[in-house]
Amino acid sequence: MYDGMIVQIGTAVELLTNPSNDYVEEFTKNVSRGKLLPVSVIMDQADDETRLNVTVRQDERLSVIADPILASHQDARVVDEDNHVVGVLKRQKLLDALFTDGSTRNWPCFGLHSSERIPVAQGESAI
């Protein structure tokens, strides 16, 4: 609500990924995307050549799968509840979703060093 009027109705995922205006974007900017967004929201389509060593489920939250993917230094195969490949989760897309504020992170275990900046997609809110 803004000034007594409903601005947007939707799920938490909808509010984070598709805010209807600047007010909703500002209102949700400090919400942890990792705790709310499932892999399916940021995965890419799989192709016939998708052969990756790391596998995650499409319904898992980003915060749950972040450590293994970032530590593996590679993308991950995304599967559904029947273990069928439904997509690919790009490591860079995971970084962009988790760290939309553009801050520098020092996570040597993930292969990121204090001198490196994590690229952030322009135009995204810092959620």
Protein backbone atom coordinates (compact mmCIF):
# COMPACT_ATOMS: atom_id res chain seq x y z
CA MET A 1 0.00 0.00 0.00
CA TYR A 2 1.06 3.54 -0.73
CA ASP A 3 -0.96 6.54 0.41
CA GLY A 4 -3.84 4.21 1.30
CA MET A 5 -3.97 2.57 -2.14
CA ILE A 6 -2.96 -0.95 -3.12
CA VAL A 7 0.01 -0.64 -5.45
CA GLN A 8 0.69 -4.29 -6.28
CA ILE A 9 -0.77 -7.66 -5.38
CA GLY A 10 1.36 -10.75 -5.85
CA THR A 11 3.55 -13.38 -4.30
CA ALA A 12 6.86 -12.46 -2.71
CA VAL A 13 8.66 -13.80 -5.79
CA GLU A 14 6.49 -11.63 -8.08
CA LEU A 15 7.15 -8.53 -5.99
CA LEU A 16 10.91 -9.15 -6.07
CA THR A 17 11.22 -10.07 -9.74
CA ASN A 18 8.61 -7.75 -11.25
CA PRO A 19 7.90 -4.70 -9.07
CA SER A 20 5.09 -2.61 -10.53
CA ASN A 21 6.75 0.73 -9.78
CA ASP A 22 9.64 2.47 -8.02
CA TYR A 23 7.82 2.38 -4.67
CA VAL A 24 7.51 -1.42 -4.69
CA GLU A 25 11.12 -1.74 -5.84
CA GLU A 26 12.31 0.50 -3.00
CA PHE A 27 10.06 -1.29 -0.49
CA THR A 28 11.55 -4.71 -1.37
CA LYS A 29 15.19 -3.65 -1.87
CA ASN A 30 16.42 -5.10 1.43
CA VAL A 31 14.61 -8.43 1.10
CA SER A 32 16.98 -11.37 0.74
CA ARG A 33 16.54 -12.79 -2.74
CA GLY A 34 18.50 -15.87 -1.77
CA LYS A 35 15.99 -16.85 0.91
CA LEU A 36 12.92 -16.38 -1.30
CA LEU A 37 13.77 -17.04 -4.92
CA PRO A 38 13.78 -20.60 -6.27
CA VAL A 39 16.33 -21.72 -8.85
CA SER A 40 13.59 -21.83 -11.52
CA VAL A 41 13.33 -18.03 -11.52
CA ILE A 42 16.89 -17.47 -12.77
CA MET A 43 17.70 -20.71 -14.63
CA ASP A 44 18.25 -20.80 -18.38
CA GLN A 45 16.83 -23.33 -20.77
CA ALA A 46 18.75 -26.60 -21.06
CA ASP A 47 19.92 -27.95 -24.38
CA ASP A 48 20.82 -31.46 -25.50
CA GLU A 49 24.47 -30.78 -24.63
CA THR A 50 23.78 -30.01 -20.95
CA ARG A 51 26.28 -32.24 -19.17
CA LEU A 52 27.37 -30.69 -15.91
CA ASN A 53 28.76 -32.20 -12.73
CA VAL A 54 26.69 -30.15 -10.28
CA THR A 55 22.93 -30.77 -10.05
CA VAL A 56 20.29 -28.71 -8.22
CA ARG A 57 16.51 -28.92 -8.04
CA GLN A 58 14.41 -26.20 -9.65
CA ASP A 59 12.40 -25.61 -6.47
CA GLU A 60 15.42 -25.11 -4.17
CA ARG A 61 16.06 -21.62 -2.81
CA LEU A 62 19.14 -19.79 -4.04
CA SER A 63 20.58 -19.54 -0.53
CA VAL A 64 20.51 -23.34 -0.22
CA ILE A 65 22.38 -24.07 -3.45
CA ALA A 66 24.74 -21.07 -3.47
CA ASP A 67 27.68 -22.59 -1.59
CA PRO A 68 28.07 -25.74 -3.71
CA ILE A 69 27.70 -23.90 -7.01
CA LEU A 70 29.99 -21.01 -6.14
CA ALA A 71 32.59 -23.38 -4.68
CA SER A 72 32.48 -25.61 -7.77
CA HIS A 73 33.42 -22.74 -10.15
CA GLN A 74 30.95 -24.05 -12.73
CA ASP A 75 27.34 -23.92 -13.83
CA ALA A 76 24.78 -26.45 -12.59
CA ARG A 77 22.26 -28.73 -14.20
CA VAL A 78 18.70 -28.04 -12.95
CA VAL A 79 16.31 -30.96 -12.50
CA ASP A 80 12.62 -31.28 -11.64
CA GLU A 81 11.04 -33.50 -8.96
CA ASP A 82 11.35 -36.51 -11.32
CA ASN A 83 15.06 -35.83 -11.85
CA HIS A 84 14.57 -34.72 -15.48
CA VAL A 85 16.87 -31.95 -16.69
CA VAL A 86 14.81 -28.78 -17.09
CA GLY A 87 17.46 -26.08 -17.23
CA VAL A 88 20.90 -24.73 -16.47
CA LEU A 89 21.83 -22.41 -13.63
CA LYS A 90 24.68 -20.15 -14.69
CA ARG A 91 27.10 -19.35 -11.87
CA GLN A 92 27.23 -15.69 -12.92
CA LYS A 93 23.43 -15.41 -12.87
CA LEU A 94 23.44 -16.76 -9.32
CA LEU A 95 26.01 -14.13 -8.31
CA ASP A 96 23.97 -11.39 -9.96
CA ALA A 97 20.81 -12.48 -8.12
CA LEU A 98 22.48 -12.79 -4.72
CA PHE A 99 24.62 -9.66 -4.84
CA THR A 100 22.57 -7.04 -6.66
CA ASP A 101 24.12 -4.22 -4.64
CA GLY A 102 27.40 -4.40 -6.58
CA SER A 103 29.49 -4.69 -3.44
CA THR A 104 32.87 -6.33 -3.40
CA ARG A 105 32.93 -9.69 -1.68
CA ASN A 106 35.98 -11.44 -0.30
CA TRP A 107 35.18 -15.12 -0.52
CA PRO A 108 38.44 -16.99 -1.26
CA CYS A 109 36.68 -20.35 -0.95
CA PHE A 110 34.57 -19.39 -3.97
CA GLY A 111 37.56 -18.23 -5.97
CA LEU A 112 36.70 -14.56 -5.50
CA HIS A 113 39.48 -12.38 -4.21
CA SER A 114 39.29 -9.00 -2.52
CA SER A 115 40.55 -7.27 -5.67
CA GLU A 116 37.72 -8.69 -7.83
CA ARG A 117 34.30 -7.11 -8.20
CA ILE A 118 31.25 -9.23 -8.72
CA PRO A 119 29.45 -7.91 -11.81
CA VAL A 120 25.87 -6.88 -11.19
CA ALA A 121 23.11 -6.62 -13.76
CA GLN A 122 22.18 -2.99 -14.34
CA GLY A 123 18.67 -1.92 -13.52
CA GLU A 124 18.04 -4.50 -10.80
CA SER A 125 16.94 -3.42 -7.37
CA ALA A 126 19.25 -4.15 -4.47
CA ILE A 127 17.16 -6.82 -2.84
